[in-house]
C-alpha atoms as a PDB file:
ATOM      1  CA  ALA A   1       9.117 -14.167   5.759  1.00  0.00           C
ATOM      2  CA  PRO A   2       9.039 -11.301   8.266  1.00  0.00           C
ATOM      3  CA  ARG A   3       6.763 -11.606  11.355  1.00  0.00           C
ATOM      4  CA  PRO A   4       3.833  -9.270  11.633  1.00  0.00           C
ATOM      5  CA  SER A   5       5.598  -7.554  14.481  1.00  0.00           C
ATOM      6  CA  ALA A   6       8.592  -6.712  12.247  1.00  0.00           C
ATOM      7  CA  ILE A   7       6.209  -5.096   9.854  1.00  0.00           C
ATOM      8  CA  ALA A   8       4.383  -3.227  12.642  1.00  0.00           C
ATOM      9  CA  SER A   9       7.722  -1.892  14.141  1.00  0.00           C
ATOM     10  CA  SER A  10       9.002  -0.710  10.669  1.00  0.00           C
ATOM     11  CA  ILE A  11       5.848   1.342   9.649  1.00  0.00           C
ATOM     12  CA  MET A  12       4.645   2.407  13.165  1.00  0.00           C
ATOM     13  CA  PRO A  13       6.795   5.588  13.121  1.00  0.00           C
ATOM     14  CA  HIS A  14       5.098   6.691   9.830  1.00  0.00           C
ATOM     15  CA  ILE A  15       1.452   5.918  10.620  1.00  0.00           C
ATOM     16  CA  VAL A  16      -0.669   9.061  11.016  1.00  0.00           C
ATOM     17  CA  GLU A  17      -4.081   7.209  10.449  1.00  0.00           C
ATOM     18  CA  ASN A  18      -5.097   3.676  10.705  1.00  0.00           C
ATOM     19  CA  THR A  19      -8.584   2.244  10.805  1.00  0.00           C
ATOM     20  CA  GLY A  20      -8.909  -1.505   9.825  1.00  0.00           C
ATOM     21  CA  TRP A  21      -5.259  -2.363   8.697  1.00  0.00           C
ATOM     22  CA  GLN A  22      -2.953  -4.634  10.527  1.00  0.00           C
ATOM     23  CA  PRO A  23       0.077  -6.832   9.915  1.00  0.00           C
ATOM     24  CA  GLU A  24      -1.009 -10.476   9.525  1.00  0.00           C
ATOM     25  CA  SER A  25       0.194 -13.938   8.610  1.00  0.00           C
ATOM     26  CA  ASP A  26      -2.353 -16.700   8.254  1.00  0.00           C
ATOM     27  CA  ILE A  27      -0.982 -20.164   7.667  1.00  0.00           C
ATOM     28  CA  SER A  28      -4.415 -21.641   6.908  1.00  0.00           C
ATOM     29  CA  THR A  29      -4.617 -19.811   3.633  1.00  0.00           C
ATOM     30  CA  GLY A  30      -1.652 -21.472   1.763  1.00  0.00           C
ATOM     31  CA  PHE A  31       0.366 -19.104  -0.351  1.00  0.00           C
ATOM     32  CA  ALA A  32      -1.862 -16.250   0.855  1.00  0.00           C
ATOM     33  CA  ARG A  33      -0.466 -16.715   4.338  1.00  0.00           C
ATOM     34  CA  LYS A  34       2.614 -14.515   3.355  1.00  0.00           C
ATOM     35  CA  THR A  35       3.069 -11.810   5.970  1.00  0.00           C
ATOM     36  CA  GLY A  36       1.549  -8.483   4.785  1.00  0.00           C
ATOM     37  CA  LEU A  37      -0.604  -5.575   5.843  1.00  0.00           C
ATOM     38  CA  VAL A  38      -4.280  -6.692   5.735  1.00  0.00           C
ATOM     39  CA  GLY A  39      -7.120  -4.232   5.406  1.00  0.00           C
ATOM     40  CA  THR A  40     -10.440  -5.496   6.684  1.00  0.00           C
ATOM     41  CA  GLY A  41     -13.675  -3.874   5.692  1.00  0.00           C
ATOM     42  CA  VAL A  42     -14.777  -1.304   3.169  1.00  0.00           C
ATOM     43  CA  GLY A  43     -13.381   2.043   4.170  1.00  0.00           C
ATOM     44  CA  ALA A  44     -10.401   0.627   6.064  1.00  0.00           C
ATOM     45  CA  THR A  45      -7.818   3.319   5.704  1.00  0.00           C
ATOM     46  CA  MET A  46      -4.145   3.575   6.452  1.00  0.00           C
ATOM     47  CA  THR A  47      -2.126   6.786   5.935  1.00  0.00           C
ATOM     48  CA  LEU A  48       1.634   6.828   6.169  1.00  0.00           C
ATOM     49  CA  LEU A  49       3.741  10.115   6.234  1.00  0.00           C
ATOM     50  CA  PHE A  50       7.349  10.160   5.300  1.00  0.00           C
ATOM     51  CA  GLN A  51       8.617  13.607   6.508  1.00  0.00           C
ATOM     52  CA  ASN A  52      11.683  15.489   5.228  1.00  0.00           C
ATOM     53  CA  VAL A  53      12.533  13.060   2.432  1.00  0.00           C
ATOM     54  CA  THR A  54      16.386  13.027   1.840  1.00  0.00           C
ATOM     55  CA  ARG A  55      16.399  11.229  -1.550  1.00  0.00           C
ATOM     56  CA  PRO A  56      14.705  11.904  -4.830  1.00  0.00           C
ATOM     57  CA  ILE A  57      11.510   9.754  -5.304  1.00  0.00           C
ATOM     58  CA  ARG A  58      10.621   9.072  -8.802  1.00  0.00           C
ATOM     59  CA  ARG A  59       8.709   5.789  -8.581  1.00  0.00           C
ATOM     60  CA  PHE A  60       6.238   3.869  -6.296  1.00  0.00           C
ATOM     61  CA  ASP A  61       6.046   0.131  -6.329  1.00  0.00           C
ATOM     62  CA  VAL A  62       3.530  -2.072  -4.507  1.00  0.00           C
ATOM     63  CA  ILE A  63       3.277  -5.903  -4.195  1.00  0.00           C
ATOM     64  CA  THR A  64      -0.169  -7.191  -3.570  1.00  0.00           C
ATOM     65  CA  LEU A  65      -1.857 -10.596  -3.184  1.00  0.00           C
ATOM     66  CA  ARG A  66      -4.102 -11.657  -6.025  1.00  0.00           C
ATOM     67  CA  SER A  67      -6.234 -14.702  -5.523  1.00  0.00           C
ATOM     68  CA  THR A  68      -9.030 -16.942  -6.853  1.00  0.00           C
ATOM     69  CA  SER A  69     -10.053 -17.455  -3.127  1.00  0.00           C
ATOM     70  CA  GLN A  70     -13.353 -16.097  -1.853  1.00  0.00           C
ATOM     71  CA  ALA A  71     -11.558 -14.601   1.012  1.00  0.00           C
ATOM     72  CA  TRP A  72      -9.516 -12.281  -1.060  1.00  0.00           C
ATOM     73  CA  LYS A  73     -10.712 -11.903  -4.628  1.00  0.00           C
ATOM     74  CA  ASP A  74     -13.409  -9.298  -4.139  1.00  0.00           C
ATOM     75  CA  GLY A  75     -10.951  -6.858  -2.505  1.00  0.00           C
ATOM     76  CA  SER A  76      -9.856  -3.592  -4.062  1.00  0.00           C
ATOM     77  CA  VAL A  77      -7.692  -0.714  -2.733  1.00  0.00           C
ATOM     78  CA  LYS A  78      -7.224   2.787  -3.808  1.00  0.00           C
ATOM     79  CA  PHE A  79      -3.677   4.067  -3.314  1.00  0.00           C
ATOM     80  CA  VAL A  80      -3.131   7.819  -3.096  1.00  0.00           C
ATOM     81  CA  ILE A  81       0.320   9.248  -3.132  1.00  0.00           C
ATOM     82  CA  ILE A  82       1.029  12.970  -2.417  1.00  0.00           C
ATOM     83  CA  THR A  83       4.531  14.324  -3.080  1.00  0.00           C
ATOM     84  CA  GLY A  84       6.226  17.608  -2.672  1.00  0.00           C
ATOM     85  CA  ALA A  85       4.290  19.057   0.278  1.00  0.00           C
ATOM     86  CA  ASN A  86       5.365  19.965   3.707  1.00  0.00           C
ATOM     87  CA  PHE A  87       2.631  18.689   6.056  1.00  0.00           C
ATOM     88  CA  SER A  88       4.089  20.382   9.068  1.00  0.00           C
ATOM     89  CA  HIS A  89       2.804  23.695   7.682  1.00  0.00           C
ATOM     90  CA  GLY A  90      -0.888  22.884   7.521  1.00  0.00           C
ATOM     91  CA  ASN A  91      -3.053  24.170   4.673  1.00  0.00           C
ATOM     92  CA  LYS A  92      -0.095  25.861   3.123  1.00  0.00           C
ATOM     93  CA  ALA A  93       1.452  22.465   2.415  1.00  0.00           C
ATOM     94  CA  ALA A  94      -1.216  21.625  -0.229  1.00  0.00           C
ATOM     95  CA  GLU A  95      -0.252  24.455  -2.588  1.00  0.00           C
ATOM     96  CA  ASP A  96       2.904  22.619  -3.775  1.00  0.00           C
ATOM     97  CA  ALA A  97       1.661  19.097  -3.489  1.00  0.00           C
ATOM     98  CA  LYS A  98       1.226  16.712  -6.469  1.00  0.00           C
ATOM     99  CA  GLU A  99      -1.323  13.826  -6.025  1.00  0.00           C
ATOM    100  CA  THR A 100      -1.547  10.598  -7.833  1.00  0.00           C
ATOM    101  CA  SER A 101      -3.846   7.849  -7.286  1.00  0.00           C
ATOM    102  CA  PHE A 102      -4.723   4.410  -8.701  1.00  0.00           C
ATOM    103  CA  GLU A 103      -6.772   1.346  -7.747  1.00  0.00           C
ATOM    104  CA  ILE A 104      -5.672  -2.412  -7.544  1.00  0.00           C
ATOM    105  CA  SER A 105      -7.981  -5.453  -7.497  1.00  0.00           C
ATOM    106  CA  ALA A 106      -7.099  -8.636  -5.697  1.00  0.00           C
ATOM    107  CA  GLU A 107      -9.107 -10.678  -8.212  1.00  0.00           C
ATOM    108  CA  LEU A 108      -6.896 -13.324  -9.986  1.00  0.00           C
ATOM    109  CA  ILE A 109      -8.461 -14.515 -13.277  1.00  0.00           C
ATOM    110  CA  ALA A 110      -7.298 -18.062 -13.500  1.00  0.00           C
ATOM    111  CA  ASP A 111      -8.566 -21.603 -13.490  1.00  0.00           C
ATOM    112  CA  LYS A 112      -8.314 -23.550 -10.232  1.00  0.00           C
ATOM    113  CA  ILE A 113      -5.982 -26.628 -10.378  1.00  0.00           C
ATOM    114  CA  ASN A 114      -7.627 -29.792  -8.737  1.00  0.00           C
ATOM    115  CA  GLY A 115     -10.136 -27.509  -7.294  1.00  0.00           C
ATOM    116  CA  GLU A 116      -7.514 -25.506  -5.198  1.00  0.00           C
ATOM    117  CA  ASP A 117      -7.343 -21.602  -5.179  1.00  0.00           C
ATOM    118  CA  LYS A 118      -4.436 -20.010  -6.780  1.00  0.00           C
ATOM    119  CA  HIS A 119      -2.557 -17.022  -5.261  1.00  0.00           C
ATOM    120  CA  ILE A 120       0.214 -14.932  -6.799  1.00  0.00           C
ATOM    121  CA  SER A 121       2.242 -11.921  -5.800  1.00  0.00           C
ATOM    122  CA  TYR A 122       1.199  -8.998  -8.135  1.00  0.00           C
ATOM    123  CA  HIS A 123       3.793  -6.248  -8.614  1.00  0.00           C
ATOM    124  CA  PHE A 124       2.688  -2.746  -9.674  1.00  0.00           C
ATOM    125  CA  GLY A 125       5.153   0.011 -10.471  1.00  0.00           C
ATOM    126  CA  LEU A 126       4.185   3.647 -11.218  1.00  0.00           C
ATOM    127  CA  ASP A 127       6.592   6.195 -12.409  1.00  0.00           C
ATOM    128  CA  LEU A 128       5.848   9.572 -10.550  1.00  0.00           C
ATOM    129  CA  ALA A 129       6.096  12.161 -13.329  1.00  0.00           C
ATOM    130  CA  GLU A 130       5.980  14.884 -10.583  1.00  0.00           C
ATOM    131  CA  GLY A 131       8.106  13.069  -8.155  1.00  0.00           C
ATOM    132  CA  ILE A 132      10.414  14.570  -5.665  1.00  0.00           C
ATOM    133  CA  ASP A 133      13.422  15.902  -7.567  1.00  0.00           C
ATOM    134  CA  PRO A 134      16.708  16.791  -6.032  1.00  0.00           C
ATOM    135  CA  ALA A 135      15.551  20.491  -5.675  1.00  0.00           C
ATOM    136  CA  ARG A 136      12.652  19.405  -3.593  1.00  0.00           C
ATOM    137  CA  LEU A 137      14.368  17.322  -0.905  1.00  0.00           C
ATOM    138  CA  GLY A 138      13.249  17.944   2.516  1.00  0.00           C
ATOM    139  CA  ALA A 139       9.653  17.760   1.336  1.00  0.00           C
ATOM    140  CA  ASP A 140       7.149  15.034   2.675  1.00  0.00           C
ATOM    141  CA  VAL A 141       5.532  12.192   1.030  1.00  0.00           C
ATOM    142  CA  MET A 142       2.150  10.837   2.120  1.00  0.00           C
ATOM    143  CA  LEU A 143       0.715   7.434   1.234  1.00  0.00           C
ATOM    144  CA  ARG A 144      -2.943   6.511   1.854  1.00  0.00           C
ATOM    145  CA  MET A 145      -4.524   3.042   1.288  1.00  0.00           C
ATOM    146  CA  ILE A 146      -8.327   2.767   1.265  1.00  0.00           C
ATOM    147  CA  LEU A 147     -10.186  -0.553   0.860  1.00  0.00           C
ATOM    148  CA  THR A 148     -12.798   0.443  -1.676  1.00  0.00           C
ATOM    149  CA  LYS A 149     -14.576  -2.921  -2.052  1.00  0.00           C
ATOM    150  CA  GLY A 150     -14.548  -6.472  -0.732  1.00  0.00           C
ATOM    151  CA  SER A 151     -13.915  -7.519   2.799  1.00  0.00           C
ATOM    152  CA  ARG A 152     -10.112  -8.147   2.728  1.00  0.00           C
ATOM    153  CA  PHE A 153      -6.988  -7.004   0.875  1.00  0.00           C
ATOM    154  CA  LYS A 154      -3.303  -7.885   1.388  1.00  0.00           C
ATOM    155  CA  VAL A 155      -0.394  -5.639   0.731  1.00  0.00           C
ATOM    156  CA  LEU A 156       2.864  -7.673   0.672  1.00  0.00           C
ATOM    157  CA  GLY A 157       5.337  -4.703  -0.085  1.00  0.00           C
ATOM    158  CA  LEU A 158       5.507  -0.961  -0.437  1.00  0.00           C
ATOM    159  CA  MET A 159       8.539   0.800  -2.029  1.00  0.00           C
ATOM    160  CA  LEU A 160       9.347   4.466  -2.693  1.00  0.00           C
ATOM    161  CA  CYS A 161      12.076   4.456  -5.168  1.00  0.00           C
ATOM    162  CA  GLU A 162      14.714   6.849  -6.531  1.00  0.00           C
END
């Protein structure tokens, strides 16, 4: 598994806002120890900006932790993806932008085995109907993650796909 420092160095150039998210790996939580981005506290927000996109983007995939554990199960995050804008042009950028949002819960509905919590990687994929098509290359993509409930939420992977 990648170290938290590897995640930080990969996303650092794209972070435009971060309140309450950090790369983390916690060996004490079993499977949940997988390295990921952890949001702590309702309202924790991270915004990533990918400028001058050079490939078509038609899909967004996210992998999150789902768990029966008290530490994770109450968490929920709203993901907001804005495509087709040019954020270096300020308010003018919003005219061409397409916004898509959805929410993911960390709660795993499952029975404990021998009293132990269960943890799984949950993969969610979303086709972006108004994704960046080849004619819109050079536009920007903004991704915002907001912890909307619970105290913690872990993102294991984020992918913008062609």
